[in-house]
Protein backbone atom coordinates (compact mmCIF):
# COMPACT_ATOMS: atom_id res chain seq x y z
CA UNK A 1 -0.08 -0.07 0.14
CA UNK A 2 2.78 2.57 0.89
CA UNK A 3 4.71 1.44 -2.06
CA UNK A 4 1.58 2.11 -4.20
CA UNK A 5 0.96 5.67 -2.84
CA UNK A 6 4.81 6.50 -3.40
CA UNK A 7 4.58 5.28 -6.82
CA UNK A 8 1.30 7.17 -7.48
CA UNK A 9 3.07 10.64 -6.36
CA UNK A 10 6.10 10.05 -8.57
CA UNK A 11 3.97 9.19 -11.48
CA UNK A 12 2.14 12.47 -11.07
CA UNK A 13 5.45 14.21 -10.59
CA UNK A 14 6.79 13.01 -13.72
CA UNK A 15 3.59 14.12 -15.74
CA UNK A 16 4.08 17.64 -14.13
CA UNK A 17 7.65 17.81 -14.97
CA UNK A 18 7.00 16.81 -18.57
CA UNK A 19 4.30 19.62 -18.67
CA UNK A 20 6.74 22.04 -17.33
CA UNK A 21 9.46 20.98 -19.95
CA UNK A 22 7.00 21.51 -22.89
CA UNK A 23 5.84 25.05 -21.78
CA UNK A 24 7.36 28.50 -22.19
CA UNK A 25 8.38 28.21 -25.89
CA UNK A 26 8.31 31.45 -28.18
CA UNK A 27 10.87 33.99 -28.77
CA UNK A 28 13.22 34.43 -25.63
CA UNK A 29 13.02 38.17 -25.95
CA UNK A 30 9.21 37.95 -25.11
CA UNK A 31 9.91 35.90 -21.91
CA UNK A 32 9.49 37.69 -18.58
CA UNK A 33 12.88 37.10 -17.04
CA UNK A 34 12.18 38.92 -13.80
CA UNK A 35 12.43 35.60 -11.76
CA UNK A 36 15.91 35.38 -12.40
CA UNK A 37 16.38 38.69 -10.47
CA UNK A 38 14.13 37.79 -7.36
CA UNK A 39 15.49 37.31 -3.94
CA UNK A 40 13.87 33.85 -3.86
CA UNK A 41 15.88 32.84 -6.86
CA UNK A 42 19.18 33.74 -4.94
CA UNK A 43 18.03 31.97 -1.84
CA UNK A 44 17.24 28.73 -3.86
CA UNK A 45 21.08 28.75 -4.54
CA UNK A 46 20.52 27.12 -8.01
CA UNK A 47 24.07 27.04 -9.38
CA UNK A 48 24.75 26.54 -13.12
CA UNK A 49 27.66 25.93 -15.45
CA UNK A 50 27.92 25.21 -19.08
CA UNK A 51 30.85 23.33 -20.68
CA UNK A 52 31.14 22.52 -24.32
CA UNK A 53 32.04 18.89 -24.97
CA UNK A 54 32.24 18.89 -28.62
CA UNK A 55 31.09 20.87 -31.75
CA UNK A 56 27.54 19.57 -31.28
CA UNK A 57 26.97 18.92 -27.51
CA UNK A 58 27.25 21.03 -24.31
CA UNK A 59 27.15 19.76 -20.52
CA UNK A 60 24.83 21.70 -18.22
CA UNK A 61 26.00 21.06 -14.71
CA UNK A 62 23.38 22.17 -11.79
CA UNK A 63 23.57 22.23 -8.06
CA UNK A 64 21.15 23.42 -5.34
CA UNK A 65 20.47 22.83 -1.73
CA UNK A 66 17.57 20.71 -0.27
CA UNK A 67 17.49 22.88 2.65
CA UNK A 68 15.63 25.46 0.49
CA UNK A 69 12.88 23.23 -0.61
CA UNK A 70 10.07 21.74 1.35
CA UNK A 71 9.34 18.18 2.37
CA UNK A 72 5.78 16.76 2.28
CA UNK A 73 4.62 13.51 3.72
CA UNK A 74 4.15 10.51 1.50
CA UNK A 75 3.10 7.09 3.12
CA UNK A 76 4.28 8.31 6.49
CA UNK A 77 7.56 9.61 5.24
CA UNK A 78 8.79 13.00 4.34
CA UNK A 79 10.15 13.56 0.68
CA UNK A 80 11.68 16.14 -1.35
CA UNK A 81 10.11 16.13 -4.77
CA UNK A 82 11.86 18.38 -7.26
CA UNK A 83 12.88 18.94 -10.98
CA UNK A 84 15.06 20.71 -13.39
CA UNK A 85 14.00 21.70 -16.88
CA UNK A 86 16.13 23.27 -19.26
CA UNK A 87 15.36 24.92 -22.74
CA UNK A 88 17.89 26.00 -25.28
CA UNK A 89 17.17 28.89 -27.59
CA UNK A 90 18.85 30.11 -30.76
CA UNK A 91 19.56 33.75 -29.40
CA UNK A 92 17.02 36.13 -28.05
CA UNK A 93 15.35 37.48 -31.23
CA UNK A 94 14.87 34.27 -33.26
CA UNK A 95 13.13 32.29 -30.48
CA UNK A 96 14.10 28.85 -32.02
CA UNK A 97 13.89 26.05 -29.40
CA UNK A 98 16.88 24.13 -30.14
CA UNK A 99 16.68 21.50 -27.33
CA UNK A 100 14.77 21.01 -23.92
CA UNK A 101 14.57 18.38 -21.51
CA UNK A 102 14.04 17.77 -17.62
CA UNK A 103 15.57 15.90 -14.76
CA UNK A 104 13.68 14.78 -11.75
CA UNK A 105 14.41 13.66 -8.23
CA UNK A 106 12.61 12.42 -5.01
CA UNK A 107 14.63 12.26 -1.63
CA UNK A 108 13.80 11.47 1.82
CA UNK A 109 17.13 12.02 3.51
CA UNK A 110 20.48 13.32 2.12
CA UNK A 111 23.44 13.79 4.41
CA UNK A 112 24.96 16.72 2.68
CA UNK A 113 21.64 18.34 1.58
CA UNK A 114 23.31 19.28 -1.81
CA UNK A 115 21.84 17.91 -5.14
CA UNK A 116 24.52 18.05 -7.85
CA UNK A 117 24.36 16.58 -11.36
CA UNK A 118 24.63 17.43 -15.09
CA UNK A 119 22.48 17.02 -18.26
CA UNK A 120 23.88 16.97 -21.97
CA UNK A 121 21.97 18.89 -24.67
CA UNK A 122 22.51 19.69 -28.39
CA UNK A 123 24.09 22.97 -29.28
CA UNK A 124 26.01 23.13 -32.59
CA UNK A 125 29.29 25.13 -32.95
CA UNK A 126 28.68 28.46 -35.00
CA UNK A 127 25.84 30.04 -33.18
CA UNK A 128 25.39 31.64 -29.65
CA UNK A 129 22.68 30.17 -27.51
CA UNK A 130 20.42 31.22 -24.46
CA UNK A 131 19.79 28.51 -21.78
CA UNK A 132 16.73 28.86 -19.47
CA UNK A 133 16.92 26.42 -16.64
CA UNK A 134 14.02 26.16 -13.97
CA UNK A 135 14.13 24.50 -10.61
CA UNK A 136 10.69 23.40 -9.63
CA UNK A 137 9.88 22.37 -6.01
CA UNK A 138 6.79 20.12 -6.66
CA UNK A 139 5.72 19.98 -3.01
CA UNK A 140 4.86 23.64 -2.89
CA UNK A 141 4.50 24.15 -6.91
CA UNK A 142 7.02 27.01 -6.68
CA UNK A 143 9.84 27.54 -9.38
CA UNK A 144 12.85 29.64 -9.99
CA UNK A 145 14.54 30.19 -13.28
CA UNK A 146 17.88 31.38 -14.34
CA UNK A 147 19.44 32.45 -17.77
CA UNK A 148 22.80 31.48 -18.82
CA UNK A 149 24.23 32.47 -22.09
CA UNK A 150 26.32 30.03 -24.13
CA UNK A 151 28.60 31.42 -26.65
CA UNK A 152 29.48 28.93 -29.32
CA UNK A 153 29.93 31.04 -32.33
CA UNK A 154 33.63 30.12 -32.45
CA UNK A 155 36.02 28.11 -30.32
CA UNK A 156 37.94 29.38 -27.34
CA UNK A 157 35.02 31.21 -25.64
CA UNK A 158 34.00 31.04 -21.89
CA UNK A 159 32.14 27.54 -22.24
CA UNK A 160 35.06 25.78 -23.63
CA UNK A 161 36.53 25.97 -20.33
CA UNK A 162 35.27 25.01 -16.92
CA UNK A 163 36.41 26.47 -13.56
CA UNK A 164 36.54 23.67 -10.91
CA UNK A 165 37.88 23.03 -7.30
CA UNK A 166 40.88 20.83 -6.89
CA UNK A 167 38.58 17.63 -6.86
CA UNK A 168 37.48 18.55 -10.31
CA UNK A 169 33.99 19.55 -9.50
CA UNK A 170 32.45 22.76 -11.04
CA UNK A 171 32.56 25.81 -8.90
CA UNK A 172 29.31 27.27 -10.46
CA UNK A 173 30.80 30.68 -10.55
CA UNK A 174 33.35 32.71 -12.48
CA UNK A 175 35.20 34.38 -9.32
CA UNK A 176 37.38 32.84 -6.63
CA UNK A 177 38.92 34.03 -3.24
CA UNK A 178 42.45 34.91 -2.72
CA UNK A 179 43.32 31.59 -1.03
CA UNK A 180 41.29 29.23 -3.11
CA UNK A 181 43.01 26.69 -5.12
CA UNK A 182 41.24 25.88 -8.27
CA UNK A 183 41.76 24.15 -11.74
CA UNK A 184 40.75 24.71 -15.16
CA UNK A 185 39.35 22.16 -17.39
CA UNK A 186 39.71 23.00 -21.08
CA UNK A 187 37.92 21.36 -24.40
CA UNK A 188 41.33 21.77 -25.98
CA UNK A 189 44.36 19.93 -24.88
CA UNK A 190 47.41 21.95 -23.90
CA UNK A 191 50.95 20.50 -23.94
CA UNK A 192 52.49 22.35 -21.05
CA UNK A 193 51.46 25.89 -20.34
CA UNK A 194 48.23 28.16 -20.42
CA UNK A 195 48.51 31.77 -20.39
CA UNK A 196 46.10 34.24 -18.49
CA UNK A 197 46.23 38.05 -18.75
CA UNK A 198 45.88 39.83 -15.69
CA UNK A 199 43.73 43.14 -15.77
CA UNK A 200 43.50 45.43 -12.76
CA UNK A 201 40.00 46.54 -12.07
CA UNK A 202 39.42 50.25 -12.83
CA UNK A 203 38.71 52.47 -9.89
CA UNK A 204 34.86 53.01 -10.03
CA UNK A 205 32.74 54.86 -7.74
CA UNK A 206 28.91 54.18 -7.36
CA UNK A 207 26.74 54.72 -10.41
CA UNK A 208 25.30 58.07 -11.04
CA UNK A 209 21.63 58.53 -10.33
CA UNK A 210 19.40 57.61 -13.24
CA UNK A 211 18.70 61.25 -14.25
CA UNK A 212 22.43 62.38 -13.91
CA UNK A 213 24.23 62.39 -17.07
CA UNK A 214 27.81 61.87 -16.66
CA UNK A 215 29.80 64.83 -18.55
CA UNK A 216 32.30 62.46 -20.19
CA UNK A 217 31.10 58.83 -20.19
CA UNK A 218 33.63 56.34 -21.60
CA UNK A 219 33.34 52.54 -21.36
CA UNK A 220 35.57 51.28 -18.51
CA UNK A 221 38.84 49.85 -19.67
CA UNK A 222 40.73 47.54 -17.22
CA UNK A 223 44.43 48.17 -16.97
CA UNK A 224 46.69 45.34 -18.45
CA UNK A 225 49.23 44.41 -15.70
CA UNK A 226 50.95 41.16 -16.54
CA UNK A 227 50.67 37.56 -17.95
CA UNK A 228 50.09 34.65 -15.59
CA UNK A 229 51.26 31.27 -16.56
CA UNK A 230 49.03 28.13 -15.67
CA UNK A 231 50.43 24.65 -16.04
CA UNK A 232 48.34 22.31 -18.01
CA UNK A 233 48.49 18.30 -18.40
CA UNK A 234 46.07 17.57 -21.36
CA UNK A 235 42.79 18.91 -20.71
CA UNK A 236 43.20 19.86 -17.19
CA UNK A 237 45.37 22.47 -15.43
CA UNK A 238 47.38 22.02 -12.14
CA UNK A 239 45.84 23.61 -9.07
CA UNK A 240 46.54 27.39 -8.76
CA UNK A 241 45.30 30.28 -6.89
CA UNK A 242 45.19 33.89 -7.94
CA UNK A 243 46.24 36.71 -5.31
CA UNK A 244 45.50 40.16 -6.85
CA UNK A 245 42.20 41.70 -7.54
CA UNK A 246 41.00 41.97 -11.04
CA UNK A 247 40.23 39.99 -14.31
CA UNK A 248 42.28 37.13 -15.47
CA UNK A 249 41.54 36.57 -19.17
CA UNK A 250 42.71 34.36 -21.92
CA UNK A 251 41.66 35.00 -25.63
CA UNK A 252 40.92 37.82 -27.91
CA UNK A 253 39.62 41.05 -26.66
CA UNK A 254 36.24 40.12 -27.70
CA UNK A 255 36.13 36.32 -26.67
CA UNK A 256 37.62 33.99 -24.34
CA UNK A 257 37.74 32.54 -20.98
CA UNK A 258 37.94 34.72 -17.72
CA UNK A 259 38.11 34.48 -13.96
CA UNK A 260 37.27 37.29 -11.51
CA UNK A 261 39.18 38.05 -8.22
CA UNK A 262 37.06 40.44 -6.09
CA UNK A 263 37.77 41.58 -2.65
CA UNK A 264 38.19 39.17 0.15
CA UNK A 265 34.55 38.30 1.53
CA UNK A 266 32.90 38.93 -1.72
CA UNK A 267 29.97 38.81 -2.39
CA UNK A 268 29.27 39.83 1.10
CA UNK A 269 29.63 43.57 1.75
CA UNK A 270 32.89 42.92 3.54
CA UNK A 271 33.53 45.67 6.02
CA UNK A 272 32.54 49.13 7.25
CA UNK A 273 34.49 50.83 4.49
CA UNK A 274 32.31 49.10 1.83
CA UNK A 275 29.14 49.58 4.06
CA UNK A 276 29.93 53.26 4.04
CA UNK A 277 30.42 53.60 0.29
CA UNK A 278 27.18 51.68 -0.42
CA UNK A 279 25.28 54.55 1.32
CA UNK A 280 25.88 56.82 -1.66
CA UNK A 281 22.45 56.01 -3.20
CA UNK A 282 20.17 57.02 -0.13
CA UNK A 283 22.33 59.91 1.08
CA UNK A 284 22.46 63.49 0.00
CA UNK A 285 25.65 64.90 -1.46
CA UNK A 286 26.33 66.76 1.81
CA UNK A 287 25.46 63.72 3.90
CA UNK A 288 27.84 61.52 1.88
CA UNK A 289 30.64 64.17 2.05
CA UNK A 290 30.30 64.38 5.83
CA UNK A 291 30.17 60.43 6.16
CA UNK A 292 33.66 60.31 4.29
CA UNK A 293 35.06 62.45 6.80
CA UNK A 294 34.56 60.01 9.59
CA UNK A 295 36.01 56.63 10.14
CA UNK A 296 33.79 53.98 8.32
CA UNK A 297 32.19 52.24 11.21
CA UNK A 298 31.30 55.60 12.93
CA UNK A 299 30.00 56.83 9.68
CA UNK A 300 27.94 53.85 9.23
CA UNK A 301 26.45 53.83 12.58
CA UNK A 302 25.91 57.63 12.68
CA UNK A 303 23.89 57.57 9.22
CA UNK A 304 21.49 54.59 10.27
CA UNK A 305 20.84 55.80 13.74
CA UNK A 306 20.12 59.35 12.82
CA UNK A 307 17.77 57.98 10.03
CA UNK A 308 16.06 55.27 12.10
CA UNK A 309 15.73 57.24 15.40
CA UNK A 310 16.77 54.24 17.37
CA UNK A 311 19.20 51.23 17.32
CA UNK A 312 16.56 48.63 17.11
CA UNK A 313 14.92 50.07 14.01
CA UNK A 314 18.30 50.88 12.57
CA UNK A 315 19.54 47.45 12.80
CA UNK A 316 16.29 46.29 10.74
CA UNK A 317 17.11 48.90 7.88
CA UNK A 318 20.76 47.74 7.86
CA UNK A 319 19.75 44.11 7.33
CA UNK A 320 17.42 44.92 4.48
CA UNK A 321 19.68 47.52 2.87
CA UNK A 322 22.76 45.46 2.91
CA UNK A 323 20.93 42.27 1.83
CA UNK A 324 20.04 44.11 -1.42
CA UNK A 325 23.69 45.41 -1.78
CA UNK A 326 24.84 41.60 -1.50
CA UNK A 327 22.14 40.60 -3.82
CA UNK A 328 23.33 43.03 -6.26
CA UNK A 329 26.85 41.77 -6.10
CA UNK A 330 25.63 38.20 -6.85
CA UNK A 331 23.44 39.36 -9.88
CA UNK A 332 25.19 42.17 -11.58
CA UNK A 333 29.07 41.89 -10.88
CA UNK A 334 30.99 42.27 -14.09
CA UNK A 335 33.87 44.91 -14.25
CA UNK A 336 33.32 45.73 -10.49
CA UNK A 337 31.16 44.73 -7.69
CA UNK A 338 27.58 44.55 -8.83
CA UNK A 339 26.26 47.22 -6.43
CA UNK A 340 28.15 50.02 -8.31
CA UNK A 341 26.80 49.02 -11.58
CA UNK A 342 23.79 50.72 -13.02
CA UNK A 343 21.50 47.53 -12.71
CA UNK A 344 22.75 47.16 -9.19
CA UNK A 345 21.92 50.87 -8.33
CA UNK A 346 18.19 50.49 -9.53
CA UNK A 347 17.82 47.11 -7.77
CA UNK A 348 19.16 48.35 -4.42
CA UNK A 349 16.83 51.37 -4.47
CA UNK A 350 13.56 50.17 -6.15
CA UNK A 351 13.86 46.31 -5.42
CA UNK A 352 13.69 43.38 -7.81
CA UNK A 353 11.71 44.41 -11.04
CA UNK A 354 8.29 42.84 -11.83
CA UNK A 355 9.17 42.45 -15.43
CA UNK A 356 12.38 42.07 -17.42
CA UNK A 357 12.81 41.65 -21.09
CA UNK A 358 16.15 41.26 -22.91
CA UNK A 359 17.26 41.11 -26.50
CA UNK A 360 20.81 41.18 -27.83
CA UNK A 361 21.19 44.96 -27.58
CA UNK A 362 18.87 46.09 -24.58
CA UNK A 363 17.41 45.03 -21.13
CA UNK A 364 14.25 46.30 -20.13
CA UNK A 365 12.94 46.48 -16.44
CA UNK A 366 9.39 47.43 -15.35
CA UNK A 367 8.16 48.35 -11.93
CA UNK A 368 4.29 48.24 -12.00
CA UNK A 369 1.91 46.85 -14.64
CA UNK A 370 3.00 47.10 -18.18
CA UNK A 371 1.12 49.79 -20.05
CA UNK A 372 0.13 51.46 -16.71
CA UNK A 373 1.10 55.35 -17.16
CA UNK A 374 2.21 55.25 -13.40
CA UNK A 375 4.82 52.38 -14.10
CA UNK A 376 8.39 53.15 -14.28
CA UNK A 377 10.48 51.49 -16.86
CA UNK A 378 14.40 51.36 -17.31
CA UNK A 379 16.33 50.56 -20.51
CA UNK A 380 19.92 49.28 -20.19
CA UNK A 381 22.03 49.24 -23.23
CA UNK A 382 24.30 46.16 -23.56
CA UNK A 383 27.69 46.72 -24.97
CA UNK A 384 30.96 44.79 -24.88
CA UNK A 385 34.00 45.75 -22.77
CA UNK A 386 37.56 44.82 -23.21
CA UNK A 387 38.55 42.09 -22.28
CA UNK A 388 35.43 40.36 -23.46
CA UNK A 389 33.10 41.34 -20.73
CA UNK A 390 29.66 42.72 -21.25
CA UNK A 391 28.16 45.82 -19.45
CA UNK A 392 24.78 47.21 -19.05
CA UNK A 393 24.52 50.95 -19.32
CA UNK A 394 21.20 52.73 -18.11
CA UNK A 395 19.77 54.93 -20.66
CA UNK A 396 19.22 57.92 -18.38
CA UNK A 397 16.35 60.48 -18.44
CA UNK A 398 15.04 63.35 -16.51
CA UNK A 399 11.71 61.56 -16.24
CA UNK A 400 13.23 59.38 -13.59
CA UNK A 401 14.06 62.23 -11.20
CA UNK A 402 10.60 61.97 -9.31
CA UNK A 403 10.50 58.25 -9.00
CA UNK A 404 13.93 58.14 -7.92
CA UNK A 405 13.32 60.63 -5.12
CA UNK A 406 10.29 58.85 -4.01
CA UNK A 407 12.03 55.59 -3.88
CA UNK A 408 15.00 57.02 -1.90
CA UNK A 409 12.32 58.68 0.59
CA UNK A 410 11.01 55.26 1.20
CA UNK A 411 14.36 54.23 2.39
CA UNK A 412 14.59 57.41 4.65
CA UNK A 413 11.37 57.51 6.44
C-alpha cells in the first residue's frame, strides 16, 4: 500500500515535470525574465555552469540545496520532490527552441543536503545560445529560473573551459577567493602551459543617479598588468590560486575565458568601508561628504541611527539595505562589484523588477504593470567591454527624477 502511494506521487510528479518541460516556448525576447532577479532565486542557490563537450553537445551542470525546498509527507515519510527543466534557444530574437529536457528527483534524506548533477544537450558550433533553467519544488508548486548565455559561435570562448575545485567539481561561478585553489578544465588539450592576462579593475565609484548624465562617459577599460602562466596536463590544469584583485583573461579582446578575483569576503559587503560607500544611493551629497570624513564604522552607525531614530529600527534597516547590496553583487558583478553598476543601483533602491525583457542589445525593467502610465520603466544598453566582458549601461532620463526621489524617500522614512 505504501509503495503504491509513493509510486502514484512519483507518476504524477513525472507528468508535471513533462508539462513544465514543454511549456514556455516562443521568442526568448518575449519571456519575462524577472524571476531570475528575485531574492527567492538567490535563496534557492541554483548554481549553473555550461561546458562544451564537442562541436554539437554541451554539458549543463547544476547544483542546489535541499534545505531551500519543502518536504511533504507521503506514506508516513517526508520526501523532497523536485525537478530541473532546461530550454535551449537560438538567441533572443529568433526564438528557435533548439533543445529541451528535464531531470527529476525524489529524496527522503540526504546527508549533505546538496543535489549536484549534469545533463547533456544539443548545441552546434557556429551559433550563440540562451539556456533557460528552471528548478521546481513540486511539493509547493514553486519555481525559480535562471538564464545562462552559451557562446558557441567560435572556439576558445567561455564555455570551452570549466572552472573547478581541486577535486574537479564545477565551482558554478566565475570568481574565486584569494586563498582558494582551483583548476581549469579545457575542451582543447594543452601540452604544458596556458596563459592568463591579468587586468586590474578600474577605480569605479557608485553609479550616478538615473537622471544624472555623466559629462564624459567612456566605457571602462581595465588596465593590463602582466601575464600569468598556468601549467596544464592535457585537458586539465594543475591547481593554482590568484592573489591580486582583477580580471584574469585568456583569448582575444572580444572572446575568451575569464576569472574574476574580487575583494576578500565577496559577495558579502565585507567591511565598514564598503558599507559606508554603499550609502551613496540613499544619502544626500552633503551627508555623503560628511560620512567620508568619519571613520567607516562611525559613519555607518551615525547614518543609520540618525535615520532610524533608534538602534533597533536601525538594525532592521541595515539588514534590509545591505541584503540588497549583497544580492546586487551576486546578480550584476562584471567589471566591478555589482552594487556599483547601473543595474545594481536600480535594484538596491527600487527592489527586484516585476518584468524583465532582454534582447541582444537592450534589457528592459518595469516596476508596476506594463502599459500603466504610473509604472516606471528602465532601459539598459548592452555593450562589450575589453577584455570580453559585457556591461549594461542605463539610458538616463530626466523623467526618472521624481520616481527616484520617491524610492529614496521610502528608505529614509
